[in-house]
PDB file of N, CA and C in Angstrom:
ATOM      1  N   MET A   1      11.014   2.105  -2.530  1.00  0.00           N
ATOM      2  CA  MET A   1      11.697   1.450  -3.626  1.00  0.00           C
ATOM      3  C   MET A   1      13.096   1.051  -3.172  1.00  0.00           C
ATOM      4  N   LYS A   2      13.379  -0.235  -3.169  1.00  0.00           N
ATOM      5  CA  LYS A   2      14.670  -0.737  -2.751  1.00  0.00           C
ATOM      6  C   LYS A   2      15.633  -0.727  -3.929  1.00  0.00           C
ATOM      7  N   ILE A   3      16.833  -0.238  -3.675  1.00  0.00           N
ATOM      8  CA  ILE A   3      17.851  -0.143  -4.716  1.00  0.00           C
ATOM      9  C   ILE A   3      18.958  -1.131  -4.398  1.00  0.00           C
ATOM     10  N   HIS A   4      19.266  -1.998  -5.336  1.00  0.00           N
ATOM     11  CA  HIS A   4      20.389  -2.928  -5.209  1.00  0.00           C
ATOM     12  C   HIS A   4      21.581  -2.222  -5.844  1.00  0.00           C
ATOM     13  N   ILE A   5      22.379  -1.556  -5.012  1.00  0.00           N
ATOM     14  CA  ILE A   5      23.428  -0.690  -5.523  1.00  0.00           C
ATOM     15  C   ILE A   5      24.496  -1.461  -6.292  1.00  0.00           C
ATOM     16  N   GLY A   6      24.761  -2.691  -5.901  1.00  0.00           N
ATOM     17  CA  GLY A   6      25.752  -3.503  -6.625  1.00  0.00           C
ATOM     18  C   GLY A   6      25.347  -3.725  -8.074  1.00  0.00           C
ATOM     19  N   GLU A   7      24.061  -4.009  -8.277  1.00  0.00           N
ATOM     20  CA  GLU A   7      23.566  -4.194  -9.648  1.00  0.00           C
ATOM     21  C   GLU A   7      23.639  -2.894 -10.440  1.00  0.00           C
ATOM     22  N   LYS A   8      23.367  -1.765  -9.775  1.00  0.00           N
ATOM     23  CA  LYS A   8      23.439  -0.465 -10.451  1.00  0.00           C
ATOM     24  C   LYS A   8      24.870  -0.149 -10.865  1.00  0.00           C
ATOM     25  N   ILE A   9      25.827  -0.458  -9.996  1.00  0.00           N
ATOM     26  CA  ILE A   9      27.241  -0.229 -10.315  1.00  0.00           C
ATOM     27  C   ILE A   9      27.653  -1.119 -11.481  1.00  0.00           C
ATOM     28  N   LYS A  10      27.253  -2.381 -11.432  1.00  0.00           N
ATOM     29  CA  LYS A  10      27.580  -3.324 -12.504  1.00  0.00           C
ATOM     30  C   LYS A  10      26.998  -2.851 -13.835  1.00  0.00           C
ATOM     31  N   ALA A  11      25.751  -2.402 -13.819  1.00  0.00           N
ATOM     32  CA  ALA A  11      25.100  -1.931 -15.043  1.00  0.00           C
ATOM     33  C   ALA A  11      25.796  -0.690 -15.598  1.00  0.00           C
ATOM     34  N   GLN A  12      26.191   0.226 -14.718  1.00  0.00           N
ATOM     35  CA  GLN A  12      26.868   1.440 -15.178  1.00  0.00           C
ATOM     36  C   GLN A  12      28.253   1.104 -15.727  1.00  0.00           C
ATOM     37  N   ALA A  13      28.937   0.169 -15.105  1.00  0.00           N
ATOM     38  CA  ALA A  13      30.245  -0.254 -15.610  1.00  0.00           C
ATOM     39  C   ALA A  13      30.094  -0.872 -16.999  1.00  0.00           C
ATOM     40  N   LYS A  14      29.074  -1.699 -17.168  1.00  0.00           N
ATOM     41  CA  LYS A  14      28.826  -2.316 -18.468  1.00  0.00           C
ATOM     42  C   LYS A  14      28.498  -1.252 -19.510  1.00  0.00           C
ATOM     43  N   GLU A  15      27.642  -0.294 -19.139  1.00  0.00           N
ATOM     44  CA  GLU A  15      27.271   0.768 -20.069  1.00  0.00           C
ATOM     45  C   GLU A  15      28.494   1.625 -20.440  1.00  0.00           C
ATOM     46  N   SER A  16      29.386   1.805 -19.465  1.00  0.00           N
ATOM     47  CA  SER A  16      30.596   2.595 -19.704  1.00  0.00           C
ATOM     48  C   SER A  16      31.711   1.775 -20.355  1.00  0.00           C
ATOM     49  N   ARG A  17      31.421   0.493 -20.540  1.00  0.00           N
ATOM     50  CA  ARG A  17      32.389  -0.436 -21.136  1.00  0.00           C
ATOM     51  C   ARG A  17      33.696  -0.500 -20.334  1.00  0.00           C
ATOM     52  N   ILE A  18      33.515  -0.588 -19.016  1.00  0.00           N
ATOM     53  CA  ILE A  18      34.650  -0.719 -18.105  1.00  0.00           C
ATOM     54  C   ILE A  18      34.549  -2.087 -17.440  1.00  0.00           C
ATOM     55  N   GLY A  19      35.554  -2.910 -17.639  1.00  0.00           N
ATOM     56  CA  GLY A  19      35.553  -4.254 -17.080  1.00  0.00           C
ATOM     57  C   GLY A  19      35.912  -4.261 -15.605  1.00  0.00           C
ATOM     58  N   ALA A  20      35.728  -5.415 -14.990  1.00  0.00           N
ATOM     59  CA  ALA A  20      35.985  -5.559 -13.556  1.00  0.00           C
ATOM     60  C   ALA A  20      37.446  -5.292 -13.217  1.00  0.00           C
ATOM     61  N   THR A  21      38.364  -5.719 -14.071  1.00  0.00           N
ATOM     62  CA  THR A  21      39.791  -5.509 -13.809  1.00  0.00           C
ATOM     63  C   THR A  21      40.132  -4.026 -13.817  1.00  0.00           C
ATOM     64  N   GLU A  22      39.665  -3.320 -14.838  1.00  0.00           N
ATOM     65  CA  GLU A  22      39.932  -1.883 -14.937  1.00  0.00           C
ATOM     66  C   GLU A  22      39.266  -1.125 -13.791  1.00  0.00           C
ATOM     67  N   LEU A  23      38.047  -1.508 -13.460  1.00  0.00           N
ATOM     68  CA  LEU A  23      37.326  -0.865 -12.369  1.00  0.00           C
ATOM     69  C   LEU A  23      38.049  -1.100 -11.040  1.00  0.00           C
ATOM     70  N   ALA A  24      38.539  -2.315 -10.852  1.00  0.00           N
ATOM     71  CA  ALA A  24      39.273  -2.644  -9.625  1.00  0.00           C
ATOM     72  C   ALA A  24      40.517  -1.773  -9.489  1.00  0.00           C
ATOM     73  N   LYS A  25      41.241  -1.615 -10.591  1.00  0.00           N
ATOM     74  CA  LYS A  25      42.452  -0.780 -10.558  1.00  0.00           C
ATOM     75  C   LYS A  25      42.112   0.666 -10.233  1.00  0.00           C
ATOM     76  N   SER A  26      40.993   1.152 -10.766  1.00  0.00           N
ATOM     77  CA  SER A  26      40.643   2.560 -10.572  1.00  0.00           C
ATOM     78  C   SER A  26      40.237   2.884  -9.135  1.00  0.00           C
ATOM     79  N   ILE A  27      39.770   1.879  -8.390  1.00  0.00           N
ATOM     80  CA  ILE A  27      39.426   2.134  -6.982  1.00  0.00           C
ATOM     81  C   ILE A  27      40.383   1.414  -6.028  1.00  0.00           C
ATOM     82  N   ASN A  28      41.457   0.876  -6.591  1.00  0.00           N
ATOM     83  CA  ASN A  28      42.523   0.256  -5.801  1.00  0.00           C
ATOM     84  C   ASN A  28      42.046  -0.941  -4.976  1.00  0.00           C
ATOM     85  N   THR A  29      41.442  -1.893  -5.684  1.00  0.00           N
ATOM     86  CA  THR A  29      41.004  -3.127  -5.036  1.00  0.00           C
ATOM     87  C   THR A  29      41.210  -4.286  -6.014  1.00  0.00           C
ATOM     88  N   SER A  30      40.762  -5.457  -5.649  1.00  0.00           N
ATOM     89  CA  SER A  30      40.934  -6.625  -6.513  1.00  0.00           C
ATOM     90  C   SER A  30      39.698  -6.856  -7.389  1.00  0.00           C
ATOM     91  N   LYS A  31      39.921  -7.590  -8.469  1.00  0.00           N
ATOM     92  CA  LYS A  31      38.813  -7.939  -9.358  1.00  0.00           C
ATOM     93  C   LYS A  31      37.783  -8.790  -8.607  1.00  0.00           C
ATOM     94  N   GLN A  32      38.252  -9.670  -7.748  1.00  0.00           N
ATOM     95  CA  GLN A  32      37.352 -10.519  -6.972  1.00  0.00           C
ATOM     96  C   GLN A  32      36.468  -9.668  -6.051  1.00  0.00           C
ATOM     97  N   ASN A  33      37.051  -8.616  -5.480  1.00  0.00           N
ATOM     98  CA  ASN A  33      36.276  -7.737  -4.616  1.00  0.00           C
ATOM     99  C   ASN A  33      35.197  -7.005  -5.426  1.00  0.00           C
ATOM    100  N   ILE A  34      35.517  -6.630  -6.649  1.00  0.00           N
ATOM    101  CA  ILE A  34      34.534  -5.968  -7.513  1.00  0.00           C
ATOM    102  C   ILE A  34      33.342  -6.895  -7.740  1.00  0.00           C
ATOM    103  N   TYR A  35      33.607  -8.159  -8.032  1.00  0.00           N
ATOM    104  CA  TYR A  35      32.514  -9.112  -8.234  1.00  0.00           C
ATOM    105  C   TYR A  35      31.667  -9.257  -6.968  1.00  0.00           C
ATOM    106  N   GLY A  36      32.326  -9.206  -5.810  1.00  0.00           N
ATOM    107  CA  GLY A  36      31.598  -9.257  -4.541  1.00  0.00           C
ATOM    108  C   GLY A  36      30.728  -8.024  -4.346  1.00  0.00           C
ATOM    109  N   ILE A  37      31.232  -6.867  -4.734  1.00  0.00           N
ATOM    110  CA  ILE A  37      30.484  -5.618  -4.610  1.00  0.00           C
ATOM    111  C   ILE A  37      29.257  -5.645  -5.525  1.00  0.00           C
ATOM    112  N   PHE A  38      29.410  -6.213  -6.708  1.00  0.00           N
ATOM    113  CA  PHE A  38      28.276  -6.318  -7.627  1.00  0.00           C
ATOM    114  C   PHE A  38      27.109  -7.089  -7.000  1.00  0.00           C
ATOM    115  N   LYS A  39      27.399  -7.955  -6.047  1.00  0.00           N
ATOM    116  CA  LYS A  39      26.369  -8.763  -5.399  1.00  0.00           C
ATOM    117  C   LYS A  39      25.750  -8.069  -4.178  1.00  0.00           C
ATOM    118  N   ARG A  40      26.366  -6.987  -3.734  1.00  0.00           N
ATOM    119  CA  ARG A  40      25.893  -6.310  -2.515  1.00  0.00           C
ATOM    120  C   ARG A  40      24.660  -5.451  -2.781  1.00  0.00           C
ATOM    121  N   GLU A  41      23.764  -5.455  -1.816  1.00  0.00           N
ATOM    122  CA  GLU A  41      22.582  -4.581  -1.881  1.00  0.00           C
ATOM    123  C   GLU A  41      22.909  -3.189  -1.373  1.00  0.00           C
ATOM    124  N   SER A  42      23.929  -3.076  -0.534  1.00  0.00           N
ATOM    125  CA  SER A  42      24.320  -1.775   0.000  1.00  0.00           C
ATOM    126  C   SER A  42      25.835  -1.746   0.176  1.00  0.00           C
ATOM    127  N   ILE A  43      26.392  -0.530   0.150  1.00  0.00           N
ATOM    128  CA  ILE A  43      27.827  -0.367   0.381  1.00  0.00           C
ATOM    129  C   ILE A  43      28.056   0.926   1.155  1.00  0.00           C
ATOM    130  N   ASP A  44      29.243   1.062   1.674  1.00  0.00           N
ATOM    131  CA  ASP A  44      29.665   2.246   2.402  1.00  0.00           C
ATOM    132  C   ASP A  44      29.681   3.451   1.465  1.00  0.00           C
ATOM    133  N   THR A  45      29.321   4.609   1.984  1.00  0.00           N
ATOM    134  CA  THR A  45      29.243   5.803   1.137  1.00  0.00           C
ATOM    135  C   THR A  45      30.601   6.222   0.596  1.00  0.00           C
ATOM    136  N   ALA A  46      31.670   6.026   1.356  1.00  0.00           N
ATOM    137  CA  ALA A  46      33.006   6.375   0.861  1.00  0.00           C
ATOM    138  C   ALA A  46      33.365   5.500  -0.338  1.00  0.00           C
ATOM    139  N   LEU A  47      32.998   4.225  -0.272  1.00  0.00           N
ATOM    140  CA  LEU A  47      33.243   3.330  -1.393  1.00  0.00           C
ATOM    141  C   LEU A  47      32.368   3.717  -2.586  1.00  0.00           C
ATOM    142  N   LEU A  48      31.133   4.072  -2.313  1.00  0.00           N
ATOM    143  CA  LEU A  48      30.237   4.490  -3.392  1.00  0.00           C
ATOM    144  C   LEU A  48      30.782   5.736  -4.089  1.00  0.00           C
ATOM    145  N   GLN A  49      31.372   6.631  -3.324  1.00  0.00           N
ATOM    146  CA  GLN A  49      31.954   7.834  -3.916  1.00  0.00           C
ATOM    147  C   GLN A  49      33.104   7.474  -4.857  1.00  0.00           C
ATOM    148  N   LYS A  50      33.880   6.462  -4.507  1.00  0.00           N
ATOM    149  CA  LYS A  50      34.960   6.006  -5.402  1.00  0.00           C
ATOM    150  C   LYS A  50      34.383   5.503  -6.726  1.00  0.00           C
ATOM    151  N   PHE A  51      33.269   4.774  -6.635  1.00  0.00           N
ATOM    152  CA  PHE A  51      32.630   4.295  -7.861  1.00  0.00           C
ATOM    153  C   PHE A  51      32.075   5.454  -8.679  1.00  0.00           C
ATOM    154  N   CYS A  52      31.563   6.476  -7.996  1.00  0.00           N
ATOM    155  CA  CYS A  52      31.063   7.660  -8.705  1.00  0.00           C
ATOM    156  C   CYS A  52      32.178   8.269  -9.555  1.00  0.00           C
ATOM    157  N   LYS A  53      33.338   8.410  -8.962  1.00  0.00           N
ATOM    158  CA  LYS A  53      34.469   9.005  -9.683  1.00  0.00           C
ATOM    159  C   LYS A  53      34.961   8.075 -10.793  1.00  0.00           C
ATOM    160  N   ALA A  54      35.086   6.800 -10.483  1.00  0.00           N
ATOM    161  CA  ALA A  54      35.615   5.842 -11.451  1.00  0.00           C
ATOM    162  C   ALA A  54      34.718   5.693 -12.672  1.00  0.00           C
ATOM    163  N   LEU A  55      33.405   5.760 -12.452  1.00  0.00           N
ATOM    164  CA  LEU A  55      32.448   5.551 -13.546  1.00  0.00           C
ATOM    165  C   LEU A  55      31.827   6.851 -14.048  1.00  0.00           C
ATOM    166  N   ASN A  56      32.247   7.977 -13.465  1.00  0.00           N
ATOM    167  CA  ASN A  56      31.724   9.285 -13.858  1.00  0.00           C
ATOM    168  C   ASN A  56      30.197   9.294 -13.834  1.00  0.00           C
ATOM    169  N   TYR A  57      29.668   8.830 -12.697  1.00  0.00           N
ATOM    170  CA  TYR A  57      28.213   8.727 -12.534  1.00  0.00           C
ATOM    171  C   TYR A  57      27.893   8.940 -11.059  1.00  0.00           C
ATOM    172  N   ASP A  58      26.918   9.781 -10.755  1.00  0.00           N
ATOM    173  CA  ASP A  58      26.546  10.056  -9.379  1.00  0.00           C
ATOM    174  C   ASP A  58      25.480   9.074  -8.904  1.00  0.00           C
ATOM    175  N   PHE A  59      25.908   7.999  -8.275  1.00  0.00           N
ATOM    176  CA  PHE A  59      24.987   6.980  -7.784  1.00  0.00           C
ATOM    177  C   PHE A  59      24.121   7.492  -6.637  1.00  0.00           C
ATOM    178  N   PHE A  60      24.549   8.546  -5.953  1.00  0.00           N
ATOM    179  CA  PHE A  60      23.786   9.077  -4.829  1.00  0.00           C
ATOM    180  C   PHE A  60      22.425   9.607  -5.273  1.00  0.00           C
ATOM    181  N   THR A  61      22.319  10.043  -6.502  1.00  0.00           N
ATOM    182  CA  THR A  61      21.038  10.563  -6.980  1.00  0.00           C
ATOM    183  C   THR A  61      19.970   9.472  -7.051  1.00  0.00           C
ATOM    184  N   LEU A  62      20.390   8.228  -7.053  1.00  0.00           N
ATOM    185  CA  LEU A  62      19.428   7.126  -7.082  1.00  0.00           C
ATOM    186  C   LEU A  62      18.608   7.055  -5.791  1.00  0.00           C
ATOM    187  N   PHE A  63      19.152   7.640  -4.731  1.00  0.00           N
ATOM    188  CA  PHE A  63      18.523   7.533  -3.420  1.00  0.00           C
ATOM    189  C   PHE A  63      17.686   8.748  -3.046  1.00  0.00           C
ATOM    190  N   ILE A  64      17.537   9.690  -3.948  1.00  0.00           N
ATOM    191  CA  ILE A  64      16.792  10.904  -3.644  1.00  0.00           C
ATOM    192  C   ILE A  64      15.301  10.650  -3.778  1.00  0.00           C
ATOM    193  N   ASN A  65      14.580  11.046  -2.744  1.00  0.00           N
ATOM    194  CA  ASN A  65      13.132  10.945  -2.750  1.00  0.00           C
ATOM    195  C   ASN A  65      12.592  12.256  -3.316  1.00  0.00           C
ATOM    196  N   PRO A  66      11.942  12.235  -4.478  1.00  0.00           N
ATOM    197  CA  PRO A  66      11.448  13.476  -5.083  1.00  0.00           C
ATOM    198  C   PRO A  66      10.506  14.260  -4.172  1.00  0.00           C
ATOM    199  N   LYS A  67       9.818  13.595  -3.261  1.00  0.00           N
ATOM    200  CA  LYS A  67       8.895  14.265  -2.355  1.00  0.00           C
ATOM    201  C   LYS A  67       9.631  15.144  -1.345  1.00  0.00           C
ATOM    202  N   MET A  68      10.925  14.866  -1.132  1.00  0.00           N
ATOM    203  CA  MET A  68      11.711  15.614  -0.161  1.00  0.00           C
ATOM    204  C   MET A  68      12.393  16.829  -0.781  1.00  0.00           C
ATOM    205  N   LEU A  69      12.292  16.983  -2.084  1.00  0.00           N
ATOM    206  CA  LEU A  69      12.962  18.082  -2.769  1.00  0.00           C
ATOM    207  C   LEU A  69      12.177  19.376  -2.629  1.00  0.00           C
ATOM    208  N   PRO A  70      12.897  20.504  -2.604  1.00  0.00           N
ATOM    209  CA  PRO A  70      12.173  21.779  -2.635  1.00  0.00           C
ATOM    210  C   PRO A  70      11.360  21.864  -3.922  1.00  0.00           C
ATOM    211  N   HIS A  71      10.293  22.648  -3.899  1.00  0.00           N
ATOM    212  CA  HIS A  71       9.394  22.712  -5.058  1.00  0.00           C
ATOM    213  C   HIS A  71      10.115  23.173  -6.323  1.00  0.00           C
ATOM    214  N   THR A  72      11.262  23.833  -6.194  1.00  0.00           N
ATOM    215  CA  THR A  72      11.981  24.303  -7.385  1.00  0.00           C
ATOM    216  C   THR A  72      12.775  23.189  -8.053  1.00  0.00           C
ATOM    217  N   GLU A  73      13.016  22.115  -7.316  1.00  0.00           N
ATOM    218  CA  GLU A  73      13.768  20.997  -7.881  1.00  0.00           C
ATOM    219  C   GLU A  73      12.790  19.907  -8.324  1.00  0.00           C
ATOM    220  N   THR A  74      13.041  19.362  -9.458  1.00  0.00           N
ATOM    221  CA  THR A  74      12.229  18.258  -9.943  1.00  0.00           C
ATOM    222  C   THR A  74      13.145  17.104 -10.289  1.00  0.00           C
ATOM    223  N   ALA A  75      12.583  15.940 -10.415  1.00  0.00           N
ATOM    224  CA  ALA A  75      13.383  14.776 -10.781  1.00  0.00           C
ATOM    225  C   ALA A  75      14.070  15.002 -12.123  1.00  0.00           C
ATOM    226  N   GLU A  76      13.394  15.704 -13.030  1.00  0.00           N
ATOM    227  CA  GLU A  76      13.988  15.964 -14.346  1.00  0.00           C
ATOM    228  C   GLU A  76      15.218  16.854 -14.216  1.00  0.00           C
ATOM    229  N   ASN A  77      15.145  17.858 -13.346  1.00  0.00           N
ATOM    230  CA  ASN A  77      16.294  18.740 -13.146  1.00  0.00           C
ATOM    231  C   ASN A  77      17.477  17.980 -12.581  1.00  0.00           C
ATOM    232  N   ILE A  78      17.213  17.092 -11.642  1.00  0.00           N
ATOM    233  CA  ILE A  78      18.296  16.338 -11.030  1.00  0.00           C
ATOM    234  C   ILE A  78      18.928  15.384 -12.025  1.00  0.00           C
ATOM    235  N   LYS A  79      18.133  14.791 -12.894  1.00  0.00           N
ATOM    236  CA  LYS A  79      18.680  13.858 -13.877  1.00  0.00           C
ATOM    237  C   LYS A  79      19.692  14.537 -14.791  1.00  0.00           C
ATOM    238  N   LYS A  80      19.571  15.846 -14.961  1.00  0.00           N
ATOM    239  CA  LYS A  80      20.528  16.571 -15.789  1.00  0.00           C
ATOM    240  C   LYS A  80      21.923  16.527 -15.180  1.00  0.00           C
ATOM    241  N   TYR A  81      22.014  16.324 -13.863  1.00  0.00           N
ATOM    242  CA  TYR A  81      23.280  16.365 -13.159  1.00  0.00           C
ATOM    243  C   TYR A  81      23.823  14.975 -12.836  1.00  0.00           C
ATOM    244  N   LYS A  82      23.339  13.953 -13.511  1.00  0.00           N
ATOM    245  CA  LYS A  82      23.787  12.595 -13.233  1.00  0.00           C
ATOM    246  C   LYS A  82      25.297  12.422 -13.350  1.00  0.00           C
ATOM    247  N   PRO A  83      25.934  12.937 -14.401  1.00  0.00           N
ATOM    248  CA  PRO A  83      27.383  12.751 -14.448  1.00  0.00           C
ATOM    249  C   PRO A  83      28.036  13.340 -13.207  1.00  0.00           C
ATOM    250  N   TYR A  84      28.972  12.596 -12.663  1.00  0.00           N
ATOM    251  CA  TYR A  84      29.613  12.979 -11.414  1.00  0.00           C
ATOM    252  C   TYR A  84      30.795  13.887 -11.687  1.00  0.00           C
ATOM    253  N   SER A  85      30.753  15.064 -11.134  1.00  0.00           N
ATOM    254  CA  SER A  85      31.909  15.943 -11.222  1.00  0.00           C
ATOM    255  C   SER A  85      32.392  16.237  -9.807  1.00  0.00           C
ATOM    256  N   SER A  86      31.513  16.732  -8.987  1.00  0.00           N
ATOM    257  CA  SER A  86      31.823  17.006  -7.593  1.00  0.00           C
ATOM    258  C   SER A  86      30.515  16.914  -6.820  1.00  0.00           C
ATOM    259  N   ILE A  87      30.535  16.186  -5.741  1.00  0.00           N
ATOM    260  CA  ILE A  87      29.308  16.001  -4.978  1.00  0.00           C
ATOM    261  C   ILE A  87      28.798  17.333  -4.442  1.00  0.00           C
ATOM    262  N   GLU A  88      29.716  18.261  -4.149  1.00  0.00           N
ATOM    263  CA  GLU A  88      29.299  19.565  -3.642  1.00  0.00           C
ATOM    264  C   GLU A  88      28.534  20.359  -4.692  1.00  0.00           C
ATOM    265  N   ASN A  89      28.751  20.057  -5.968  1.00  0.00           N
ATOM    266  CA  ASN A  89      28.066  20.764  -7.039  1.00  0.00           C
ATOM    267  C   ASN A  89      26.721  20.139  -7.400  1.00  0.00           C
ATOM    268  N   ALA A  90      26.452  18.972  -6.863  1.00  0.00           N
ATOM    269  CA  ALA A  90      25.186  18.305  -7.158  1.00  0.00           C
ATOM    270  C   ALA A  90      24.048  19.096  -6.511  1.00  0.00           C
ATOM    271  N   PRO A  91      22.922  19.231  -7.199  1.00  0.00           N
ATOM    272  CA  PRO A  91      21.826  20.054  -6.675  1.00  0.00           C
ATOM    273  C   PRO A  91      21.248  19.547  -5.367  1.00  0.00           C
ATOM    274  N   GLU A  92      21.326  18.261  -5.117  1.00  0.00           N
ATOM    275  CA  GLU A  92      20.740  17.718  -3.904  1.00  0.00           C
ATOM    276  C   GLU A  92      21.700  17.769  -2.721  1.00  0.00           C
ATOM    277  N   TYR A  93      22.936  18.205  -2.935  1.00  0.00           N
ATOM    278  CA  TYR A  93      23.943  18.206  -1.870  1.00  0.00           C
ATOM    279  C   TYR A  93      23.488  19.020  -0.661  1.00  0.00           C
ATOM    280  N   ASN A  94      23.072  20.263  -0.879  1.00  0.00           N
ATOM    281  CA  ASN A  94      22.666  21.116   0.243  1.00  0.00           C
ATOM    282  C   ASN A  94      21.430  20.573   0.944  1.00  0.00           C
ATOM    283  N   LEU A  95      20.499  20.025   0.185  1.00  0.00           N
ATOM    284  CA  LEU A  95      19.308  19.430   0.794  1.00  0.00           C
ATOM    285  C   LEU A  95      19.710  18.284   1.720  1.00  0.00           C
ATOM    286  N   LEU A  96      20.547  17.389   1.219  1.00  0.00           N
ATOM    287  CA  LEU A  96      20.980  16.251   2.025  1.00  0.00           C
ATOM    288  C   LEU A  96      21.827  16.707   3.209  1.00  0.00           C
ATOM    289  N   LYS A  97      22.639  17.711   3.006  1.00  0.00           N
ATOM    290  CA  LYS A  97      23.461  18.248   4.089  1.00  0.00           C
ATOM    291  C   LYS A  97      22.566  18.805   5.193  1.00  0.00           C
ATOM    292  N   ASN A  98      21.536  19.546   4.816  1.00  0.00           N
ATOM    293  CA  ASN A  98      20.605  20.095   5.808  1.00  0.00           C
ATOM    294  C   ASN A  98      19.838  18.997   6.532  1.00  0.00           C
ATOM    295  N   GLN A  99      19.432  17.972   5.793  1.00  0.00           N
ATOM    296  CA  GLN A  99      18.731  16.853   6.418  1.00  0.00           C
ATOM    297  C   GLN A  99      19.645  16.146   7.420  1.00  0.00           C
ATOM    298  N   LEU A 100      20.910  15.990   7.050  1.00  0.00           N
ATOM    299  CA  LEU A 100      21.873  15.358   7.950  1.00  0.00           C
ATOM    300  C   LEU A 100      22.065  16.187   9.210  1.00  0.00           C
ATOM    301  N   MET A 101      22.164  17.498   9.062  1.00  0.00           N
ATOM    302  CA  MET A 101      22.323  18.368  10.227  1.00  0.00           C
ATOM    303  C   MET A 101      21.104  18.274  11.141  1.00  0.00           C
ATOM    304  N   ASP A 102      19.907  18.219  10.566  1.00  0.00           N
ATOM    305  CA  ASP A 102      18.689  18.068  11.361  1.00  0.00           C
ATOM    306  C   ASP A 102      18.699  16.742  12.130  1.00  0.00           C
ATOM    307  N   LEU A 103      19.109  15.695  11.451  1.00  0.00           N
ATOM    308  CA  LEU A 103      19.163  14.379  12.100  1.00  0.00           C
ATOM    309  C   LEU A 103      20.213  14.354  13.205  1.00  0.00           C
ATOM    310  N   GLN A 104      21.332  15.038  12.993  1.00  0.00           N
ATOM    311  CA  GLN A 104      22.362  15.092  14.029  1.00  0.00           C
ATOM    312  C   GLN A 104      21.854  15.822  15.266  1.00  0.00           C
ATOM    313  N   GLU A 105      21.122  16.910  15.060  1.00  0.00           N
ATOM    314  CA  GLU A 105      20.542  17.644  16.186  1.00  0.00           C
ATOM    315  C   GLU A 105      19.564  16.759  16.955  1.00  0.00           C
ATOM    316  N   LYS A 106      18.722  16.045  16.229  1.00  0.00           N
ATOM    317  CA  LYS A 106      17.749  15.159  16.877  1.00  0.00           C
ATOM    318  C   LYS A 106      18.459  14.046  17.650  1.00  0.00           C
ATOM    319  N   TYR A 107      19.524  13.534  17.066  1.00  0.00           N
ATOM    320  CA  TYR A 107      20.294  12.482  17.719  1.00  0.00           C
ATOM    321  C   TYR A 107      20.889  12.981  19.037  1.00  0.00           C
ATOM    322  N   GLU A 108      21.443  14.194  19.020  1.00  0.00           N
ATOM    323  CA  GLU A 108      22.007  14.772  20.236  1.00  0.00           C
ATOM    324  C   GLU A 108      20.936  14.944  21.311  1.00  0.00           C
ATOM    325  N   LEU A 109      19.734  15.370  20.909  1.00  0.00           N
ATOM    326  CA  LEU A 109      18.640  15.512  21.864  1.00  0.00           C
ATOM    327  C   LEU A 109      18.245  14.164  22.455  1.00  0.00           C
ATOM    328  N   VAL A 110      18.186  13.150  21.631  1.00  0.00           N
ATOM    329  CA  VAL A 110      17.839  11.807  22.114  1.00  0.00           C
ATOM    330  C   VAL A 110      18.899  11.317  23.096  1.00  0.00           C
ATOM    331  N   LYS A 111      20.169  11.586  22.807  1.00  0.00           N
ATOM    332  CA  LYS A 111      21.240  11.198  23.725  1.00  0.00           C
ATOM    333  C   LYS A 111      21.055  11.874  25.083  1.00  0.00           C
ATOM    334  N   LYS A 112      20.718  13.165  25.080  1.00  0.00           N
ATOM    335  CA  LYS A 112      20.509  13.897  26.334  1.00  0.00           C
ATOM    336  C   LYS A 112      19.329  13.328  27.107  1.00  0.00           C
ATOM    337  N   VAL A 113      18.253  13.013  26.406  1.00  0.00           N
ATOM    338  CA  VAL A 113      17.085  12.419  27.058  1.00  0.00           C
ATOM    339  C   VAL A 113      17.456  11.078  27.675  1.00  0.00           C
ATOM    340  N   ASN A 114      18.218  10.281  26.972  1.00  0.00           N
ATOM    341  CA  ASN A 114      18.639   8.981  27.501  1.00  0.00           C
ATOM    342  C   ASN A 114      19.489   9.139  28.753  1.00  0.00           C
ATOM    343  N   ILE A 115      20.376  10.125  28.747  1.00  0.00           N
ATOM    344  CA  ILE A 115      21.211  10.378  29.928  1.00  0.00           C
ATOM    345  C   ILE A 115      20.337  10.759  31.114  1.00  0.00           C
ATOM    346  N   LEU A 116      19.381  11.647  30.880  1.00  0.00           N
ATOM    347  CA  LEU A 116      18.471  12.051  31.951  1.00  0.00           C
ATOM    348  C   LEU A 116      17.652  10.875  32.472  1.00  0.00           C
ATOM    349  N   LEU A 117      17.182  10.035  31.578  1.00  0.00           N
ATOM    350  CA  LEU A 117      16.415   8.859  32.000  1.00  0.00           C
ATOM    351  C   LEU A 117      17.273   7.891  32.813  1.00  0.00           C
ATOM    352  N   GLU A 118      18.522   7.715  32.402  1.00  0.00           N
ATOM    353  CA  GLU A 118      19.433   6.837  33.149  1.00  0.00           C
ATOM    354  C   GLU A 118      19.686   7.400  34.548  1.00  0.00           C
ATOM    355  N   GLU A 119      19.888   8.728  34.640  1.00  0.00           N
ATOM    356  CA  GLU A 119      20.107   9.360  35.934  1.00  0.00           C
ATOM    357  C   GLU A 119      18.883   9.195  36.835  1.00  0.00           C
ATOM    358  N   LYS A 120      17.711   9.386  36.255  1.00  0.00           N
ATOM    359  CA  LYS A 120      16.474   9.238  37.009  1.00  0.00           C
ATOM    360  C   LYS A 120      16.303   7.798  37.484  1.00  0.00           C
ATOM    361  N   LYS A 121      16.659   6.859  36.630  1.00  0.00           N
ATOM    362  CA  LYS A 121      16.539   5.436  36.943  1.00  0.00           C
ATOM    363  C   LYS A 121      17.470   5.078  38.108  1.00  0.00           C
ATOM    364  N   LYS A 122      18.673   5.656  38.118  1.00  0.00           N
ATOM    365  CA  LYS A 122      19.638   5.377  39.185  1.00  0.00           C
ATOM    366  C   LYS A 122      19.189   5.945  40.525  1.00  0.00           C
ATOM    367  N   LYS A 123      18.473   7.076  40.494  1.00  0.00           N
ATOM    368  CA  LYS A 123      18.016   7.728  41.719  1.00  0.00           C
ATOM    369  C   LYS A 123      16.865   6.978  42.388  1.00  0.00           C
ATOM    370  N   LYS A 124      16.090   6.237  41.615  1.00  0.00           N
ATOM    371  CA  LYS A 124      14.974   5.479  42.182  1.00  0.00           C
ATOM    372  C   LYS A 124      15.512   4.309  42.989  1.00  0.00           C
ATOM    373  N   PRO A 125      14.854   4.026  44.160  1.00  0.00           N
ATOM    374  CA  PRO A 125      15.315   2.892  44.993  1.00  0.00           C
ATOM    375  C   PRO A 125      15.040   1.555  44.385  1.00  0.00           C
TER     376      PRO A 125
END
């Protein structure tokens, strides 16, 4: 399922009755930039976090795959935590943190394999 994050931000701003000018001021950017963001399919996570705070909504929960959740977590449980208070308090934070750590370990292993392959390639005549 593809998520157009700009449209989601625009919809949440409309639901919260926050205009582009006010939203721009809250994240320290221009109104024109806000309109550009509304058109984007993806944005940087640091910028998305600013929108979470400005709109009091955790947009990161939109990207959670229910199949990846521990059996104790359900989509219904996560929806209870939609309002954004602190990302560390969100139920999916530790899951995503662990997934990131696993991916970082795999990335480091791939880097080592690439180095070994390059060394082997250089040794061949």
